[in-house]
Amino acid sequence: MPKYKNSFVSEPADFLINDEEDKKLGTIRVTPVSVKWKPAGKQKFRTVSLDKFSEWIVANGKESKS
């Protein structure tokens, strides 16, 4: 198995995202090297490297209170 530069401190998990009517929007998965999104009804995840996601969220995201 390849050695990754990042690792989880806890167990990885998928998170199901529902809308206000409890209809499934999709699934988000975070790995030590990427963030993945699979819209409801699709078979495959779309992925972006953790480095690219980190650059994007710092540049475009808003600060959170939590």
PDB file of N, CA and C in Angstrom:
ATOM      1  N   MET A   1       0.847  -1.173   0.000  1.00  0.00           N
ATOM      2  CA  MET A   1       0.000   0.000   0.000  1.00  0.00           C
ATOM      3  C   MET A   1       0.895   1.239   0.000  1.00  0.00           C
ATOM      4  N   PRO A   2       0.544   2.258  -0.819  1.00  0.00           N
ATOM      5  CA  PRO A   2       1.398   3.449  -0.877  1.00  0.00           C
ATOM      6  C   PRO A   2       1.355   4.258   0.415  1.00  0.00           C
ATOM      7  N   LYS A   3       2.420   4.953   0.700  1.00  0.00           N
ATOM      8  CA  LYS A   3       2.508   5.820   1.870  1.00  0.00           C
ATOM      9  C   LYS A   3       1.967   7.194   1.493  1.00  0.00           C
ATOM     10  N   TYR A   4       0.962   7.674   2.223  1.00  0.00           N
ATOM     11  CA  TYR A   4       0.371   8.980   1.972  1.00  0.00           C
ATOM     12  C   TYR A   4       0.993  10.021   2.883  1.00  0.00           C
ATOM     13  N   LYS A   5       0.985  11.289   2.434  1.00  0.00           N
ATOM     14  CA  LYS A   5       1.553  12.351   3.261  1.00  0.00           C
ATOM     15  C   LYS A   5       0.598  12.777   4.372  1.00  0.00           C
ATOM     16  N   ASN A   6      -0.704  12.489   4.229  1.00  0.00           N
ATOM     17  CA  ASN A   6      -1.708  12.826   5.242  1.00  0.00           C
ATOM     18  C   ASN A   6      -2.318  11.546   5.787  1.00  0.00           C
ATOM     19  N   SER A   7      -2.864  11.631   6.995  1.00  0.00           N
ATOM     20  CA  SER A   7      -3.539  10.461   7.555  1.00  0.00           C
ATOM     21  C   SER A   7      -4.664  10.923   8.472  1.00  0.00           C
ATOM     22  N   PHE A   8      -5.642  10.030   8.693  1.00  0.00           N
ATOM     23  CA  PHE A   8      -6.746  10.326   9.593  1.00  0.00           C
ATOM     24  C   PHE A   8      -6.356  10.014  11.028  1.00  0.00           C
ATOM     25  N   VAL A   9      -6.843  10.827  11.940  1.00  0.00           N
ATOM     26  CA  VAL A   9      -6.690  10.550  13.361  1.00  0.00           C
ATOM     27  C   VAL A   9      -7.870   9.684  13.804  1.00  0.00           C
ATOM     28  N   SER A  10      -9.037   9.868  13.147  1.00  0.00           N
ATOM     29  CA  SER A  10     -10.223   9.061  13.428  1.00  0.00           C
ATOM     30  C   SER A  10     -10.577   8.255  12.180  1.00  0.00           C
ATOM     31  N   GLU A  11     -11.619   7.450  12.287  1.00  0.00           N
ATOM     32  CA  GLU A  11     -12.048   6.618  11.169  1.00  0.00           C
ATOM     33  C   GLU A  11     -12.680   7.472  10.068  1.00  0.00           C
ATOM     34  N   PRO A  12     -12.386   7.184   8.783  1.00  0.00           N
ATOM     35  CA  PRO A  12     -13.042   7.906   7.693  1.00  0.00           C
ATOM     36  C   PRO A  12     -14.522   7.546   7.628  1.00  0.00           C
ATOM     37  N   ALA A  13     -15.325   8.449   7.065  1.00  0.00           N
ATOM     38  CA  ALA A  13     -16.762   8.189   6.981  1.00  0.00           C
ATOM     39  C   ALA A  13     -17.362   8.923   5.799  1.00  0.00           C
ATOM     40  N   ASP A  14     -18.450   8.380   5.277  1.00  0.00           N
ATOM     41  CA  ASP A  14     -19.255   9.050   4.266  1.00  0.00           C
ATOM     42  C   ASP A  14     -20.363   9.808   4.993  1.00  0.00           C
ATOM     43  N   PHE A  15     -20.751  10.936   4.422  1.00  0.00           N
ATOM     44  CA  PHE A  15     -21.838  11.722   4.982  1.00  0.00           C
ATOM     45  C   PHE A  15     -22.896  11.926   3.916  1.00  0.00           C
ATOM     46  N   LEU A  16     -24.129  11.523   4.217  1.00  0.00           N
ATOM     47  CA  LEU A  16     -25.246  11.689   3.302  1.00  0.00           C
ATOM     48  C   LEU A  16     -25.840  13.072   3.517  1.00  0.00           C
ATOM     49  N   ILE A  17     -26.091  13.794   2.430  1.00  0.00           N
ATOM     50  CA  ILE A  17     -26.620  15.146   2.498  1.00  0.00           C
ATOM     51  C   ILE A  17     -28.042  15.132   1.955  1.00  0.00           C
ATOM     52  N   ASN A  18     -29.007  15.592   2.769  1.00  0.00           N
ATOM     53  CA  ASN A  18     -30.411  15.680   2.362  1.00  0.00           C
ATOM     54  C   ASN A  18     -30.832  17.142   2.297  1.00  0.00           C
ATOM     55  N   ASP A  19     -31.853  17.421   1.487  1.00  0.00           N
ATOM     56  CA  ASP A  19     -32.388  18.779   1.422  1.00  0.00           C
ATOM     57  C   ASP A  19     -33.448  18.986   2.496  1.00  0.00           C
ATOM     58  N   GLU A  20     -34.125  20.144   2.474  1.00  0.00           N
ATOM     59  CA  GLU A  20     -35.116  20.474   3.507  1.00  0.00           C
ATOM     60  C   GLU A  20     -36.342  19.559   3.485  1.00  0.00           C
ATOM     61  N   GLU A  21     -36.547  18.848   2.382  1.00  0.00           N
ATOM     62  CA  GLU A  21     -37.660  17.901   2.282  1.00  0.00           C
ATOM     63  C   GLU A  21     -37.204  16.466   2.548  1.00  0.00           C
ATOM     64  N   ASP A  22     -35.994  16.322   3.084  1.00  0.00           N
ATOM     65  CA  ASP A  22     -35.386  15.031   3.410  1.00  0.00           C
ATOM     66  C   ASP A  22     -35.106  14.179   2.169  1.00  0.00           C
ATOM     67  N   LYS A  23     -34.974  14.824   1.019  1.00  0.00           N
ATOM     68  CA  LYS A  23     -34.617  14.138  -0.222  1.00  0.00           C
ATOM     69  C   LYS A  23     -33.091  14.126  -0.329  1.00  0.00           C
ATOM     70  N   LYS A  24     -32.527  12.975  -0.674  1.00  0.00           N
ATOM     71  CA  LYS A  24     -31.073  12.842  -0.739  1.00  0.00           C
ATOM     72  C   LYS A  24     -30.508  13.687  -1.878  1.00  0.00           C
ATOM     73  N   LEU A  25     -29.536  14.542  -1.532  1.00  0.00           N
ATOM     74  CA  LEU A  25     -28.828  15.340  -2.533  1.00  0.00           C
ATOM     75  C   LEU A  25     -27.571  14.629  -3.009  1.00  0.00           C
ATOM     76  N   GLY A  26     -26.885  13.960  -2.096  1.00  0.00           N
ATOM     77  CA  GLY A  26     -25.656  13.276  -2.461  1.00  0.00           C
ATOM     78  C   GLY A  26     -24.880  12.825  -1.249  1.00  0.00           C
ATOM     79  N   THR A  27     -23.650  12.384  -1.528  1.00  0.00           N
ATOM     80  CA  THR A  27     -22.761  11.858  -0.497  1.00  0.00           C
ATOM     81  C   THR A  27     -21.424  12.572  -0.601  1.00  0.00           C
ATOM     82  N   ILE A  28     -20.902  13.000   0.546  1.00  0.00           N
ATOM     83  CA  ILE A  28     -19.561  13.585   0.583  1.00  0.00           C
ATOM     84  C   ILE A  28     -18.652  12.620   1.333  1.00  0.00           C
ATOM     85  N   ARG A  29     -17.441  12.475   0.819  1.00  0.00           N
ATOM     86  CA  ARG A  29     -16.447  11.585   1.433  1.00  0.00           C
ATOM     87  C   ARG A  29     -15.133  12.355   1.499  1.00  0.00           C
ATOM     88  N   VAL A  30     -14.521  12.346   2.671  1.00  0.00           N
ATOM     89  CA  VAL A  30     -13.227  12.994   2.841  1.00  0.00           C
ATOM     90  C   VAL A  30     -12.198  11.906   3.091  1.00  0.00           C
ATOM     91  N   THR A  31     -11.138  11.918   2.297  1.00  0.00           N
ATOM     92  CA  THR A  31     -10.030  10.981   2.478  1.00  0.00           C
ATOM     93  C   THR A  31      -8.796  11.794   2.862  1.00  0.00           C
ATOM     94  N   PRO A  32      -7.729  11.153   3.252  1.00  0.00           N
ATOM     95  CA  PRO A  32      -6.523  11.923   3.593  1.00  0.00           C
ATOM     96  C   PRO A  32      -5.935  12.725   2.430  1.00  0.00           C
ATOM     97  N   VAL A  33      -6.332  12.417   1.199  1.00  0.00           N
ATOM     98  CA  VAL A  33      -5.758  13.115   0.043  1.00  0.00           C
ATOM     99  C   VAL A  33      -6.779  13.806  -0.839  1.00  0.00           C
ATOM    100  N   SER A  34      -8.087  13.620  -0.567  1.00  0.00           N
ATOM    101  CA  SER A  34      -9.077  14.217  -1.454  1.00  0.00           C
ATOM    102  C   SER A  34     -10.417  14.427  -0.766  1.00  0.00           C
ATOM    103  N   VAL A  35     -11.247  15.238  -1.416  1.00  0.00           N
ATOM    104  CA  VAL A  35     -12.647  15.414  -1.043  1.00  0.00           C
ATOM    105  C   VAL A  35     -13.450  14.928  -2.234  1.00  0.00           C
ATOM    106  N   LYS A  36     -14.430  14.064  -1.983  1.00  0.00           N
ATOM    107  CA  LYS A  36     -15.203  13.453  -3.062  1.00  0.00           C
ATOM    108  C   LYS A  36     -16.683  13.776  -2.891  1.00  0.00           C
ATOM    109  N   TRP A  37     -17.384  13.950  -4.005  1.00  0.00           N
ATOM    110  CA  TRP A  37     -18.812  14.238  -4.014  1.00  0.00           C
ATOM    111  C   TRP A  37     -19.488  13.329  -5.030  1.00  0.00           C
ATOM    112  N   LYS A  38     -20.585  12.697  -4.602  1.00  0.00           N
ATOM    113  CA  LYS A  38     -21.379  11.864  -5.508  1.00  0.00           C
ATOM    114  C   LYS A  38     -22.821  12.329  -5.426  1.00  0.00           C
ATOM    115  N   PRO A  39     -23.337  12.968  -6.488  1.00  0.00           N
ATOM    116  CA  PRO A  39     -24.737  13.387  -6.479  1.00  0.00           C
ATOM    117  C   PRO A  39     -25.668  12.169  -6.375  1.00  0.00           C
ATOM    118  N   ALA A  40     -26.839  12.374  -5.802  1.00  0.00           N
ATOM    119  CA  ALA A  40     -27.833  11.292  -5.700  1.00  0.00           C
ATOM    120  C   ALA A  40     -28.116  10.724  -7.084  1.00  0.00           C
ATOM    121  N   GLY A  41     -28.209   9.421  -7.169  1.00  0.00           N
ATOM    122  CA  GLY A  41     -28.526   8.744  -8.418  1.00  0.00           C
ATOM    123  C   GLY A  41     -27.339   8.495  -9.327  1.00  0.00           C
ATOM    124  N   LYS A  42     -26.165   8.954  -8.959  1.00  0.00           N
ATOM    125  CA  LYS A  42     -24.958   8.739  -9.764  1.00  0.00           C
ATOM    126  C   LYS A  42     -24.155   7.585  -9.185  1.00  0.00           C
ATOM    127  N   GLN A  43     -23.372   6.938 -10.027  1.00  0.00           N
ATOM    128  CA  GLN A  43     -22.597   5.771  -9.614  1.00  0.00           C
ATOM    129  C   GLN A  43     -21.197   6.122  -9.123  1.00  0.00           C
ATOM    130  N   LYS A  44     -20.627   7.218  -9.647  1.00  0.00           N
ATOM    131  CA  LYS A  44     -19.234   7.533  -9.347  1.00  0.00           C
ATOM    132  C   LYS A  44     -19.094   8.875  -8.642  1.00  0.00           C
ATOM    133  N   PHE A  45     -18.046   8.955  -7.821  1.00  0.00           N
ATOM    134  CA  PHE A  45     -17.711  10.190  -7.135  1.00  0.00           C
ATOM    135  C   PHE A  45     -16.955  11.123  -8.074  1.00  0.00           C
ATOM    136  N   ARG A  46     -17.115  12.412  -7.868  1.00  0.00           N
ATOM    137  CA  ARG A  46     -16.262  13.450  -8.453  1.00  0.00           C
ATOM    138  C   ARG A  46     -15.250  13.757  -7.353  1.00  0.00           C
ATOM    139  N   THR A  47     -14.008  14.035  -7.716  1.00  0.00           N
ATOM    140  CA  THR A  47     -12.983  14.214  -6.690  1.00  0.00           C
ATOM    141  C   THR A  47     -12.106  15.429  -6.966  1.00  0.00           C
ATOM    142  N   VAL A  48     -11.608  16.005  -5.899  1.00  0.00           N
ATOM    143  CA  VAL A  48     -10.641  17.099  -5.963  1.00  0.00           C
ATOM    144  C   VAL A  48      -9.595  16.831  -4.884  1.00  0.00           C
ATOM    145  N   SER A  49      -8.345  17.136  -5.205  1.00  0.00           N
ATOM    146  CA  SER A  49      -7.283  16.888  -4.223  1.00  0.00           C
ATOM    147  C   SER A  49      -7.516  17.747  -2.981  1.00  0.00           C
ATOM    148  N   LEU A  50      -7.049  17.263  -1.849  1.00  0.00           N
ATOM    149  CA  LEU A  50      -7.172  18.007  -0.601  1.00  0.00           C
ATOM    150  C   LEU A  50      -6.415  19.329  -0.704  1.00  0.00           C
ATOM    151  N   ASP A  51      -5.283  19.339  -1.410  1.00  0.00           N
ATOM    152  CA  ASP A  51      -4.527  20.577  -1.603  1.00  0.00           C
ATOM    153  C   ASP A  51      -5.346  21.609  -2.382  1.00  0.00           C
ATOM    154  N   LYS A  52      -5.979  21.192  -3.488  1.00  0.00           N
ATOM    155  CA  LYS A  52      -6.798  22.103  -4.294  1.00  0.00           C
ATOM    156  C   LYS A  52      -8.024  22.564  -3.512  1.00  0.00           C
ATOM    157  N   PHE A  53      -8.666  21.646  -2.786  1.00  0.00           N
ATOM    158  CA  PHE A  53      -9.824  22.016  -1.976  1.00  0.00           C
ATOM    159  C   PHE A  53      -9.424  23.039  -0.916  1.00  0.00           C
ATOM    160  N   SER A  54      -8.287  22.818  -0.255  1.00  0.00           N
ATOM    161  CA  SER A  54      -7.818  23.730   0.780  1.00  0.00           C
ATOM    162  C   SER A  54      -7.569  25.127   0.208  1.00  0.00           C
ATOM    163  N   GLU A  55      -6.933  25.209  -0.958  1.00  0.00           N
ATOM    164  CA  GLU A  55      -6.704  26.501  -1.614  1.00  0.00           C
ATOM    165  C   GLU A  55      -8.036  27.193  -1.908  1.00  0.00           C
ATOM    166  N   TRP A  56      -8.994  26.433  -2.460  1.00  0.00           N
ATOM    167  CA  TRP A  56     -10.291  26.997  -2.844  1.00  0.00           C
ATOM    168  C   TRP A  56     -11.080  27.489  -1.628  1.00  0.00           C
ATOM    169  N   ILE A  57     -11.153  26.685  -0.580  1.00  0.00           N
ATOM    170  CA  ILE A  57     -11.982  27.046   0.572  1.00  0.00           C
ATOM    171  C   ILE A  57     -11.386  28.234   1.327  1.00  0.00           C
ATOM    172  N   VAL A  58     -10.077  28.336   1.406  1.00  0.00           N
ATOM    173  CA  VAL A  58      -9.455  29.482   2.069  1.00  0.00           C
ATOM    174  C   VAL A  58      -9.706  30.753   1.262  1.00  0.00           C
ATOM    175  N   ALA A  59      -9.626  30.666  -0.062  1.00  0.00           N
ATOM    176  CA  ALA A  59      -9.821  31.831  -0.925  1.00  0.00           C
ATOM    177  C   ALA A  59     -11.289  32.237  -1.034  1.00  0.00           C
ATOM    178  N   ASN A  60     -12.220  31.276  -1.001  1.00  0.00           N
ATOM    179  CA  ASN A  60     -13.613  31.554  -1.295  1.00  0.00           C
ATOM    180  C   ASN A  60     -14.590  31.320  -0.149  1.00  0.00           C
ATOM    181  N   GLY A  61     -14.173  30.600   0.863  1.00  0.00           N
ATOM    182  CA  GLY A  61     -15.075  30.272   1.963  1.00  0.00           C
ATOM    183  C   GLY A  61     -15.200  31.408   2.973  1.00  0.00           C
ATOM    184  N   LYS A  62     -16.265  31.348   3.745  1.00  0.00           N
ATOM    185  CA  LYS A  62     -16.477  32.308   4.823  1.00  0.00           C
ATOM    186  C   LYS A  62     -16.075  31.667   6.142  1.00  0.00           C
ATOM    187  N   GLU A  63     -15.627  32.479   7.087  1.00  0.00           N
ATOM    188  CA  GLU A  63     -15.279  31.942   8.397  1.00  0.00           C
ATOM    189  C   GLU A  63     -16.510  31.423   9.106  1.00  0.00           C
ATOM    190  N   SER A  64     -16.333  30.308   9.798  1.00  0.00           N
ATOM    191  CA  SER A  64     -17.428  29.657  10.524  1.00  0.00           C
ATOM    192  C   SER A  64     -17.279  29.921  12.003  1.00  0.00           C
ATOM    193  N   LYS A  65     -18.404  29.959  12.706  1.00  0.00           N
ATOM    194  CA  LYS A  65     -18.366  30.146  14.160  1.00  0.00           C
ATOM    195  C   LYS A  65     -17.997  28.873  14.888  1.00  0.00           C
ATOM    196  N   SER A  66     -18.110  27.731  14.201  1.00  0.00           N
ATOM    197  CA  SER A  66     -17.790  26.458  14.868  1.00  0.00           C
ATOM    198  C   SER A  66     -16.514  25.876  14.351  1.00  0.00           C
TER     199      SER A  66
END
